[in-house]
PDB file of all heavy atoms in Angstrom:
ATOM      1  N   LEU A   1      19.342   9.733  17.644  1.00  0.00           N
ATOM      2  CA  LEU A   1      19.454   9.737  16.192  1.00  0.00           C
ATOM      3  C   LEU A   1      19.098   8.370  15.625  1.00  0.00           C
ATOM      4  O   LEU A   1      18.411   8.270  14.592  1.00  0.00           O
ATOM      5  CB  LEU A   1      20.875  10.131  15.770  1.00  0.00           C
ATOM      6  CG  LEU A   1      21.167  10.092  14.264  1.00  0.00           C
ATOM      7  CD1 LEU A   1      20.239  11.064  13.522  1.00  0.00           C
ATOM      8  CD2 LEU A   1      22.631  10.423  13.979  1.00  0.00           C
ATOM      9  N   ASN A   2      19.573   7.311  16.284  1.00  0.00           N
ATOM     10  CA  ASN A   2      19.268   5.957  15.821  1.00  0.00           C
ATOM     11  C   ASN A   2      17.764   5.681  15.873  1.00  0.00           C
ATOM     12  O   ASN A   2      17.199   5.092  14.948  1.00  0.00           O
ATOM     13  CB  ASN A   2      20.001   4.929  16.679  1.00  0.00           C
ATOM     14  CG  ASN A   2      21.503   5.071  16.596  1.00  0.00           C
ATOM     15  OD1 ASN A   2      22.076   5.960  17.223  1.00  0.00           O
ATOM     16  ND2 ASN A   2      22.159   4.219  15.819  1.00  0.00           N
ATOM     17  N   GLU A   3      17.120   6.116  16.957  1.00  0.00           N
ATOM     18  CA  GLU A   3      15.679   5.913  17.080  1.00  0.00           C
ATOM     19  C   GLU A   3      14.929   6.726  16.028  1.00  0.00           C
ATOM     20  O   GLU A   3      13.927   6.258  15.471  1.00  0.00           O
ATOM     21  CB  GLU A   3      15.218   6.294  18.481  1.00  0.00           C
ATOM     22  CG  GLU A   3      15.739   5.369  19.574  1.00  0.00           C
ATOM     23  CD  GLU A   3      15.170   5.709  20.940  1.00  0.00           C
ATOM     24  OE1 GLU A   3      14.347   6.650  21.021  1.00  0.00           O
ATOM     25  OE2 GLU A   3      15.530   5.042  21.909  1.00  0.00           O
ATOM     26  N   LEU A   4      15.422   7.929  15.753  1.00  0.00           N
ATOM     27  CA  LEU A   4      14.798   8.761  14.725  1.00  0.00           C
ATOM     28  C   LEU A   4      14.936   8.114  13.347  1.00  0.00           C
ATOM     29  O   LEU A   4      13.977   8.073  12.565  1.00  0.00           O
ATOM     30  CB  LEU A   4      15.438  10.152  14.721  1.00  0.00           C
ATOM     31  CG  LEU A   4      14.910  11.136  13.663  1.00  0.00           C
ATOM     32  CD1 LEU A   4      13.431  11.410  13.895  1.00  0.00           C
ATOM     33  CD2 LEU A   4      15.722  12.433  13.685  1.00  0.00           C
ATOM     34  N   LEU A   5      16.142   7.594  13.056  1.00  0.00           N
ATOM     35  CA  LEU A   5      16.361   6.910  11.781  1.00  0.00           C
ATOM     36  C   LEU A   5      15.473   5.676  11.665  1.00  0.00           C
ATOM     37  O   LEU A   5      14.919   5.396  10.598  1.00  0.00           O
ATOM     38  CB  LEU A   5      17.832   6.512  11.644  1.00  0.00           C
ATOM     39  CG  LEU A   5      18.847   7.634  11.398  1.00  0.00           C
ATOM     40  CD1 LEU A   5      20.261   7.093  11.479  1.00  0.00           C
ATOM     41  CD2 LEU A   5      18.600   8.296  10.044  1.00  0.00           C
ATOM     42  N   LEU A   6      15.354   4.951  12.771  1.00  0.00           N
ATOM     43  CA  LEU A   6      14.549   3.731  12.771  1.00  0.00           C
ATOM     44  C   LEU A   6      13.086   4.044  12.490  1.00  0.00           C
ATOM     45  O   LEU A   6      12.450   3.414  11.635  1.00  0.00           O
ATOM     46  CB  LEU A   6      14.690   3.012  14.114  1.00  0.00           C
ATOM     47  CG  LEU A   6      14.008   1.641  14.235  1.00  0.00           C
ATOM     48  CD1 LEU A   6      14.619   0.661  13.255  1.00  0.00           C
ATOM     49  CD2 LEU A   6      14.112   1.126  15.654  1.00  0.00           C
ATOM     50  N   LEU A   7      12.561   5.037  13.216  1.00  0.00           N
ATOM     51  CA  LEU A   7      11.167   5.407  13.017  1.00  0.00           C
ATOM     52  C   LEU A   7      10.936   6.021  11.639  1.00  0.00           C
ATOM     53  O   LEU A   7       9.947   5.728  10.974  1.00  0.00           O
ATOM     54  CB  LEU A   7      10.726   6.394  14.111  1.00  0.00           C
ATOM     55  CG  LEU A   7      10.449   5.805  15.494  1.00  0.00           C
ATOM     56  CD1 LEU A   7      10.223   6.912  16.510  1.00  0.00           C
ATOM     57  CD2 LEU A   7       9.247   4.877  15.455  1.00  0.00           C
ATOM     58  N   THR A   8      11.879   6.869  11.212  1.00  0.00           N
ATOM     59  CA  THR A   8      11.706   7.569   9.938  1.00  0.00           C
ATOM     60  C   THR A   8      11.805   6.618   8.751  1.00  0.00           C
ATOM     61  O   THR A   8      10.871   6.499   7.950  1.00  0.00           O
ATOM     62  CB  THR A   8      12.755   8.689   9.778  1.00  0.00           C
ATOM     63  OG1 THR A   8      12.635   9.606  10.872  1.00  0.00           O
ATOM     64  CG2 THR A   8      12.559   9.424   8.472  1.00  0.00           C
ATOM     65  N   PHE A   9      12.954   5.916   8.649  1.00  0.00           N
ATOM     66  CA  PHE A   9      13.161   5.056   7.488  1.00  0.00           C
ATOM     67  C   PHE A   9      12.215   3.861   7.497  1.00  0.00           C
ATOM     68  O   PHE A   9      11.594   3.556   6.469  1.00  0.00           O
ATOM     69  CB  PHE A   9      14.617   4.581   7.425  1.00  0.00           C
ATOM     70  CG  PHE A   9      15.547   5.584   6.813  1.00  0.00           C
ATOM     71  CD1 PHE A   9      16.097   6.607   7.573  1.00  0.00           C
ATOM     72  CD2 PHE A   9      15.859   5.528   5.467  1.00  0.00           C
ATOM     73  CE1 PHE A   9      16.951   7.546   7.011  1.00  0.00           C
ATOM     74  CE2 PHE A   9      16.706   6.462   4.887  1.00  0.00           C
ATOM     75  CZ  PHE A   9      17.252   7.477   5.661  1.00  0.00           C
ATOM     76  N   SER A  10      12.110   3.185   8.642  1.00  0.00           N
ATOM     77  CA  SER A  10      11.226   2.024   8.712  1.00  0.00           C
ATOM     78  C   SER A  10       9.780   2.444   8.504  1.00  0.00           C
ATOM     79  O   SER A  10       9.021   1.774   7.801  1.00  0.00           O
ATOM     80  CB  SER A  10      11.383   1.310  10.063  1.00  0.00           C
ATOM     81  OG  SER A  10      12.697   0.841  10.226  1.00  0.00           O
ATOM     82  N   GLY A  11       9.409   3.575   9.123  1.00  0.00           N
ATOM     83  CA  GLY A  11       8.039   4.046   8.975  1.00  0.00           C
ATOM     84  C   GLY A  11       7.723   4.466   7.551  1.00  0.00           C
ATOM     85  O   GLY A  11       6.685   4.091   6.999  1.00  0.00           O
ATOM     86  N   VAL A  12       8.628   5.243   6.947  1.00  0.00           N
ATOM     87  CA  VAL A  12       8.403   5.720   5.576  1.00  0.00           C
ATOM     88  C   VAL A  12       8.378   4.556   4.590  1.00  0.00           C
ATOM     89  O   VAL A  12       7.495   4.474   3.723  1.00  0.00           O
ATOM     90  CB  VAL A  12       9.487   6.739   5.172  1.00  0.00           C
ATOM     91  CG1 VAL A  12       9.419   7.022   3.671  1.00  0.00           C
ATOM     92  CG2 VAL A  12       9.327   8.031   5.958  1.00  0.00           C
ATOM     93  N   ILE A  13       9.336   3.645   4.718  1.00  0.00           N
ATOM     94  CA  ILE A  13       9.388   2.495   3.810  1.00  0.00           C
ATOM     95  C   ILE A  13       8.155   1.622   3.968  1.00  0.00           C
ATOM     96  O   ILE A  13       7.530   1.205   2.979  1.00  0.00           O
ATOM     97  CB  ILE A  13      10.674   1.681   4.053  1.00  0.00           C
ATOM     98  CG1 ILE A  13      11.885   2.457   3.555  1.00  0.00           C
ATOM     99  CG2 ILE A  13      10.591   0.323   3.349  1.00  0.00           C
ATOM    100  CD1 ILE A  13      13.211   1.812   3.890  1.00  0.00           C
ATOM    101  N   ALA A  14       7.787   1.344   5.225  1.00  0.00           N
ATOM    102  CA  ALA A  14       6.615   0.506   5.468  1.00  0.00           C
ATOM    103  C   ALA A  14       5.350   1.157   4.934  1.00  0.00           C
ATOM    104  O   ALA A  14       4.522   0.508   4.273  1.00  0.00           O
ATOM    105  CB  ALA A  14       6.474   0.221   6.959  1.00  0.00           C
ATOM    106  N   MET A  15       5.196   2.454   5.191  1.00  0.00           N
ATOM    107  CA  MET A  15       3.997   3.154   4.734  1.00  0.00           C
ATOM    108  C   MET A  15       3.971   3.281   3.212  1.00  0.00           C
ATOM    109  O   MET A  15       2.912   3.113   2.591  1.00  0.00           O
ATOM    110  CB  MET A  15       3.926   4.541   5.374  1.00  0.00           C
ATOM    111  CG  MET A  15       3.651   4.523   6.869  1.00  0.00           C
ATOM    112  SD  MET A  15       2.113   3.666   7.294  1.00  0.00           S
ATOM    113  CE  MET A  15       0.912   4.725   6.493  1.00  0.00           C
ATOM    114  N   ALA A  16       5.128   3.567   2.612  1.00  0.00           N
ATOM    115  CA  ALA A  16       5.183   3.732   1.154  1.00  0.00           C
ATOM    116  C   ALA A  16       4.861   2.418   0.447  1.00  0.00           C
ATOM    117  O   ALA A  16       4.040   2.382  -0.492  1.00  0.00           O
ATOM    118  CB  ALA A  16       6.559   4.236   0.737  1.00  0.00           C
ATOM    119  N   THR A  17       5.509   1.338   0.874  1.00  0.00           N
ATOM    120  CA  THR A  17       5.263   0.041   0.230  1.00  0.00           C
ATOM    121  C   THR A  17       3.837  -0.447   0.494  1.00  0.00           C
ATOM    122  O   THR A  17       3.186  -0.995  -0.402  1.00  0.00           O
ATOM    123  CB  THR A  17       6.275  -1.010   0.718  1.00  0.00           C
ATOM    124  OG1 THR A  17       6.263  -1.066   2.158  1.00  0.00           O
ATOM    125  CG2 THR A  17       7.691  -0.674   0.251  1.00  0.00           C
ATOM    126  N   PHE A  18       3.361  -0.224   1.714  1.00  0.00           N
ATOM    127  CA  PHE A  18       2.001  -0.650   2.041  1.00  0.00           C
ATOM    128  C   PHE A  18       0.982   0.189   1.271  1.00  0.00           C
ATOM    129  O   PHE A  18      -0.059  -0.324   0.848  1.00  0.00           O
ATOM    130  CB  PHE A  18       1.755  -0.531   3.545  1.00  0.00           C
ATOM    131  CG  PHE A  18       0.458  -1.143   3.999  1.00  0.00           C
ATOM    132  CD1 PHE A  18       0.242  -2.507   3.882  1.00  0.00           C
ATOM    133  CD2 PHE A  18      -0.547  -0.356   4.535  1.00  0.00           C
ATOM    134  CE1 PHE A  18      -0.944  -3.086   4.290  1.00  0.00           C
ATOM    135  CE2 PHE A  18      -1.746  -0.917   4.947  1.00  0.00           C
ATOM    136  CZ  PHE A  18      -1.949  -2.283   4.825  1.00  0.00           C
ATOM    137  N   LEU A  19       1.280   1.477   1.066  1.00  0.00           N
ATOM    138  CA  LEU A  19       0.384   2.344   0.301  1.00  0.00           C
ATOM    139  C   LEU A  19       0.284   1.885  -1.149  1.00  0.00           C
ATOM    140  O   LEU A  19      -0.796   1.921  -1.755  1.00  0.00           O
ATOM    141  CB  LEU A  19       0.884   3.791   0.361  1.00  0.00           C
ATOM    142  CG  LEU A  19      -0.065   4.883  -0.149  1.00  0.00           C
ATOM    143  CD1 LEU A  19      -1.358   4.877   0.651  1.00  0.00           C
ATOM    144  CD2 LEU A  19       0.607   6.243  -0.075  1.00  0.00           C
ATOM    145  N   ILE A  20       1.426   1.444  -1.704  1.00  0.00           N
ATOM    146  CA  ILE A  20       1.417   0.899  -3.067  1.00  0.00           C
ATOM    147  C   ILE A  20       0.498  -0.316  -3.137  1.00  0.00           C
ATOM    148  O   ILE A  20      -0.278  -0.481  -4.091  1.00  0.00           O
ATOM    149  CB  ILE A  20       2.845   0.523  -3.512  1.00  0.00           C
ATOM    150  CG1 ILE A  20       3.699   1.787  -3.669  1.00  0.00           C
ATOM    151  CG2 ILE A  20       2.814  -0.256  -4.831  1.00  0.00           C
ATOM    152  CD1 ILE A  20       5.158   1.505  -3.945  1.00  0.00           C
ATOM    153  N   VAL A  21       0.575  -1.158  -2.109  1.00  0.00           N
ATOM    154  CA  VAL A  21      -0.279  -2.348  -2.058  1.00  0.00           C
ATOM    155  C   VAL A  21      -1.748  -1.948  -1.983  1.00  0.00           C
ATOM    156  O   VAL A  21      -2.596  -2.476  -2.726  1.00  0.00           O
ATOM    157  CB  VAL A  21       0.093  -3.226  -0.843  1.00  0.00           C
ATOM    158  CG1 VAL A  21      -0.906  -4.367  -0.681  1.00  0.00           C
ATOM    159  CG2 VAL A  21       1.499  -3.783  -0.998  1.00  0.00           C
ATOM    160  N   ILE A  22      -2.071  -0.993  -1.099  1.00  0.00           N
ATOM    161  CA  ILE A  22      -3.461  -0.570  -0.921  1.00  0.00           C
ATOM    162  C   ILE A  22      -4.028   0.043  -2.204  1.00  0.00           C
ATOM    163  O   ILE A  22      -5.132  -0.313  -2.648  1.00  0.00           O
ATOM    164  CB  ILE A  22      -3.572   0.453   0.234  1.00  0.00           C
ATOM    165  CG1 ILE A  22      -3.223  -0.211   1.572  1.00  0.00           C
ATOM    166  CG2 ILE A  22      -4.982   1.042   0.295  1.00  0.00           C
ATOM    167  CD1 ILE A  22      -4.144  -1.334   1.970  1.00  0.00           C
ATOM    168  N   ILE A  23      -3.259   0.953  -2.807  1.00  0.00           N
ATOM    169  CA  ILE A  23      -3.727   1.603  -4.041  1.00  0.00           C
ATOM    170  C   ILE A  23      -3.912   0.578  -5.154  1.00  0.00           C
ATOM    171  O   ILE A  23      -4.901   0.615  -5.905  1.00  0.00           O
ATOM    172  CB  ILE A  23      -2.734   2.705  -4.476  1.00  0.00           C
ATOM    173  CG1 ILE A  23      -2.736   3.847  -3.450  1.00  0.00           C
ATOM    174  CG2 ILE A  23      -3.090   3.235  -5.860  1.00  0.00           C
ATOM    175  CD1 ILE A  23      -1.696   4.909  -3.717  1.00  0.00           C
ATOM    176  N   SER A  24      -2.953  -0.351  -5.277  1.00  0.00           N
ATOM    177  CA  SER A  24      -3.052  -1.391  -6.307  1.00  0.00           C
ATOM    178  C   SER A  24      -4.321  -2.214  -6.124  1.00  0.00           C
ATOM    179  O   SER A  24      -5.052  -2.481  -7.094  1.00  0.00           O
ATOM    180  CB  SER A  24      -1.823  -2.302  -6.263  1.00  0.00           C
ATOM    181  OG  SER A  24      -0.638  -1.588  -6.554  1.00  0.00           O
ATOM    182  N   TYR A  25      -4.612  -2.584  -4.874  1.00  0.00           N
ATOM    183  CA  TYR A  25      -5.784  -3.422  -4.628  1.00  0.00           C
ATOM    184  C   TYR A  25      -7.090  -2.647  -4.733  1.00  0.00           C
ATOM    185  O   TYR A  25      -8.132  -3.246  -5.039  1.00  0.00           O
ATOM    186  CB  TYR A  25      -5.660  -4.127  -3.276  1.00  0.00           C
ATOM    187  CG  TYR A  25      -4.898  -5.421  -3.397  1.00  0.00           C
ATOM    188  CD1 TYR A  25      -3.565  -5.511  -3.039  1.00  0.00           C
ATOM    189  CD2 TYR A  25      -5.513  -6.561  -3.919  1.00  0.00           C
ATOM    190  CE1 TYR A  25      -2.852  -6.686  -3.186  1.00  0.00           C
ATOM    191  CE2 TYR A  25      -4.814  -7.747  -4.067  1.00  0.00           C
ATOM    192  CZ  TYR A  25      -3.489  -7.803  -3.702  1.00  0.00           C
ATOM    193  OH  TYR A  25      -2.783  -8.979  -3.857  1.00  0.00           O
ATOM    194  N   LEU A  26      -7.068  -1.346  -4.501  1.00  0.00           N
ATOM    195  CA  LEU A  26      -8.268  -0.547  -4.737  1.00  0.00           C
ATOM    196  C   LEU A  26      -8.641  -0.575  -6.218  1.00  0.00           C
ATOM    197  O   LEU A  26      -9.812  -0.766  -6.576  1.00  0.00           O
ATOM    198  CB  LEU A  26      -8.045   0.894  -4.266  1.00  0.00           C
ATOM    199  CG  LEU A  26      -8.053   1.126  -2.756  1.00  0.00           C
ATOM    200  CD1 LEU A  26      -7.725   2.577  -2.429  1.00  0.00           C
ATOM    201  CD2 LEU A  26      -9.414   0.761  -2.169  1.00  0.00           C
ATOM    202  N   PHE A  27      -7.640  -0.391  -7.073  1.00  0.00           N
ATOM    203  CA  PHE A  27      -7.887  -0.469  -8.523  1.00  0.00           C
ATOM    204  C   PHE A  27      -8.285  -1.880  -8.932  1.00  0.00           C
ATOM    205  O   PHE A  27      -9.122  -2.061  -9.829  1.00  0.00           O
ATOM    206  CB  PHE A  27      -6.639  -0.029  -9.298  1.00  0.00           C
ATOM    207  CG  PHE A  27      -6.455   1.461  -9.367  1.00  0.00           C
ATOM    208  CD1 PHE A  27      -5.496   2.097  -8.602  1.00  0.00           C
ATOM    209  CD2 PHE A  27      -7.256   2.233 -10.199  1.00  0.00           C
ATOM    210  CE1 PHE A  27      -5.311   3.472  -8.661  1.00  0.00           C
ATOM    211  CE2 PHE A  27      -7.090   3.614 -10.275  1.00  0.00           C
ATOM    212  CZ  PHE A  27      -6.123   4.244  -9.503  1.00  0.00           C
ATOM    213  N   ILE A  28      -7.680  -2.877  -8.281  1.00  0.00           N
ATOM    214  CA  ILE A  28      -8.016  -4.271  -8.590  1.00  0.00           C
ATOM    215  C   ILE A  28      -9.472  -4.567  -8.242  1.00  0.00           C
ATOM    216  O   ILE A  28     -10.206  -5.182  -9.030  1.00  0.00           O
ATOM    217  CB  ILE A  28      -7.076  -5.228  -7.836  1.00  0.00           C
ATOM    218  CG1 ILE A  28      -5.672  -5.191  -8.455  1.00  0.00           C
ATOM    219  CG2 ILE A  28      -7.622  -6.656  -7.861  1.00  0.00           C
ATOM    220  CD1 ILE A  28      -4.634  -5.950  -7.663  1.00  0.00           C
ATOM    221  N   VAL A  29      -9.909  -4.117  -7.070  1.00  0.00           N
ATOM    222  CA  VAL A  29     -11.292  -4.349  -6.640  1.00  0.00           C
ATOM    223  C   VAL A  29     -12.273  -3.686  -7.603  1.00  0.00           C
ATOM    224  O   VAL A  29     -13.286  -4.296  -8.000  1.00  0.00           O
ATOM    225  CB  VAL A  29     -11.507  -3.823  -5.204  1.00  0.00           C
ATOM    226  CG1 VAL A  29     -12.993  -3.815  -4.854  1.00  0.00           C
ATOM    227  CG2 VAL A  29     -10.747  -4.670  -4.206  1.00  0.00           C
ATOM    228  N   VAL A  30     -11.984  -2.448  -7.996  1.00  0.00           N
ATOM    229  CA  VAL A  30     -12.847  -1.739  -8.948  1.00  0.00           C
ATOM    230  C   VAL A  30     -12.923  -2.511 -10.263  1.00  0.00           C
ATOM    231  O   VAL A  30     -14.014  -2.679 -10.850  1.00  0.00           O
ATOM    232  CB  VAL A  30     -12.327  -0.301  -9.193  1.00  0.00           C
ATOM    233  CG1 VAL A  30     -13.095   0.351 -10.338  1.00  0.00           C
ATOM    234  CG2 VAL A  30     -12.444   0.537  -7.925  1.00  0.00           C
ATOM    235  N   ALA A  31     -11.768  -2.988 -10.732  1.00  0.00           N
ATOM    236  CA  ALA A  31     -11.738  -3.733 -12.000  1.00  0.00           C
ATOM    237  C   ALA A  31     -12.508  -5.046 -11.881  1.00  0.00           C
ATOM    238  O   ALA A  31     -13.236  -5.434 -12.819  1.00  0.00           O
ATOM    239  CB  ALA A  31     -10.289  -4.000 -12.405  1.00  0.00           C
ATOM    240  N   ILE A  32     -12.373  -5.721 -10.742  1.00  0.00           N
ATOM    241  CA  ILE A  32     -13.054  -7.009 -10.563  1.00  0.00           C
ATOM    242  C   ILE A  32     -14.572  -6.815 -10.498  1.00  0.00           C
ATOM    243  O   ILE A  32     -15.340  -7.619 -11.045  1.00  0.00           O
ATOM    244  CB  ILE A  32     -12.530  -7.714  -9.298  1.00  0.00           C
ATOM    245  CG1 ILE A  32     -11.089  -8.193  -9.520  1.00  0.00           C
ATOM    246  CG2 ILE A  32     -13.427  -8.900  -8.926  1.00  0.00           C
ATOM    247  CD1 ILE A  32     -10.459  -8.832  -8.297  1.00  0.00           C
ATOM    248  N   LEU A  33     -15.007  -5.761  -9.820  1.00  0.00           N
ATOM    249  CA  LEU A  33     -16.443  -5.503  -9.706  1.00  0.00           C
ATOM    250  C   LEU A  33     -17.077  -5.205 -11.055  1.00  0.00           C
ATOM    251  O   LEU A  33     -18.296  -5.339 -11.228  1.00  0.00           O
ATOM    252  CB  LEU A  33     -16.693  -4.350  -8.734  1.00  0.00           C
ATOM    253  CG  LEU A  33     -16.357  -4.637  -7.267  1.00  0.00           C
ATOM    254  CD1 LEU A  33     -16.577  -3.399  -6.416  1.00  0.00           C
ATOM    255  CD2 LEU A  33     -17.198  -5.811  -6.735  1.00  0.00           C
ATOM    256  N   ARG A  34     -16.268  -4.779 -12.028  1.00  0.00           N
ATOM    257  CA  ARG A  34     -16.783  -4.503 -13.369  1.00  0.00           C
ATOM    258  C   ARG A  34     -16.931  -5.766 -14.209  1.00  0.00           C
ATOM    259  O   ARG A  34     -17.551  -5.723 -15.286  1.00  0.00           O
ATOM    260  CB  ARG A  34     -15.859  -3.520 -14.087  1.00  0.00           C
ATOM    261  CG  ARG A  34     -15.909  -2.106 -13.505  1.00  0.00           C
ATOM    262  CD  ARG A  34     -14.910  -1.210 -14.202  1.00  0.00           C
ATOM    263  NE  ARG A  34     -14.962   0.154 -13.689  1.00  0.00           N
ATOM    264  CZ  ARG A  34     -14.097   1.117 -14.025  1.00  0.00           C
ATOM    265  NH1 ARG A  34     -13.115   0.841 -14.888  1.00  0.00           N
ATOM    266  NH2 ARG A  34     -14.213   2.322 -13.511  1.00  0.00           N
ATOM    267  N   ILE A  35     -16.338  -6.872 -13.727  1.00  0.00           N
ATOM    268  CA  ILE A  35     -16.466  -8.146 -14.438  1.00  0.00           C
ATOM    269  C   ILE A  35     -17.888  -8.667 -14.270  1.00  0.00           C
ATOM    270  O   ILE A  35     -18.394  -8.770 -13.140  1.00  0.00           O
ATOM    271  CB  ILE A  35     -15.438  -9.178 -13.908  1.00  0.00           C
ATOM    272  CG1 ILE A  35     -14.011  -8.664 -14.123  1.00  0.00           C
ATOM    273  CG2 ILE A  35     -15.631 -10.521 -14.612  1.00  0.00           C
ATOM    274  CD1 ILE A  35     -12.946  -9.565 -13.536  1.00  0.00           C
ATOM    275  N   ARG A  36     -18.545  -8.990 -15.344  1.00  0.00           N
ATOM    276  CA  ARG A  36     -19.964  -9.364 -15.281  1.00  0.00           C
ATOM    277  C   ARG A  36     -20.190 -10.776 -14.753  1.00  0.00           C
ATOM    278  O   ARG A  36     -21.126 -11.025 -14.004  1.00  0.00           O
ATOM    279  CB  ARG A  36     -20.599  -9.208 -16.670  1.00  0.00           C
ATOM    280  CG  ARG A  36     -20.643  -7.758 -17.151  1.00  0.00           C
ATOM    281  CD  ARG A  36     -21.359  -7.637 -18.472  1.00  0.00           C
ATOM    282  NE  ARG A  36     -21.431  -6.233 -18.899  1.00  0.00           N
ATOM    283  CZ  ARG A  36     -22.024  -5.831 -20.013  1.00  0.00           C
ATOM    284  NH1 ARG A  36     -22.595  -6.732 -20.827  1.00  0.00           N
ATOM    285  NH2 ARG A  36     -22.041  -4.545 -20.323  1.00  0.00           N
ATOM    286  N   SER A  37     -19.346 -11.716 -15.174  1.00  0.00           N
ATOM    287  CA  SER A  37     -19.582 -13.104 -14.765  1.00  0.00           C
ATOM    288  C   SER A  37     -19.051 -13.365 -13.352  1.00  0.00           C
ATOM    289  O   SER A  37     -17.990 -12.865 -12.969  1.00  0.00           O
ATOM    290  CB  SER A  37     -18.919 -14.071 -15.750  1.00  0.00           C
ATOM    291  OG  SER A  37     -17.532 -14.115 -15.563  1.00  0.00           O
ATOM    292  N   ALA A  38     -19.814 -14.142 -12.595  1.00  0.00           N
ATOM    293  CA  ALA A  38     -19.416 -14.490 -11.232  1.00  0.00           C
ATOM    294  C   ALA A  38     -18.156 -15.346 -11.240  1.00  0.00           C
ATOM    295  O   ALA A  38     -17.289 -15.215 -10.374  1.00  0.00           O
ATOM    296  CB  ALA A  38     -20.549 -15.235 -10.526  1.00  0.00           C
TER     297      ALA A  38
END
């Protein structure tokens, strides 16, 4: 049960927070590429 909790909670939290980071930076990259000046 402890190993299941560790994998589940740590995995879900890590993936959820990391996914927020990835999605945020995908939008950031798109926005930056639209900037005309170098």
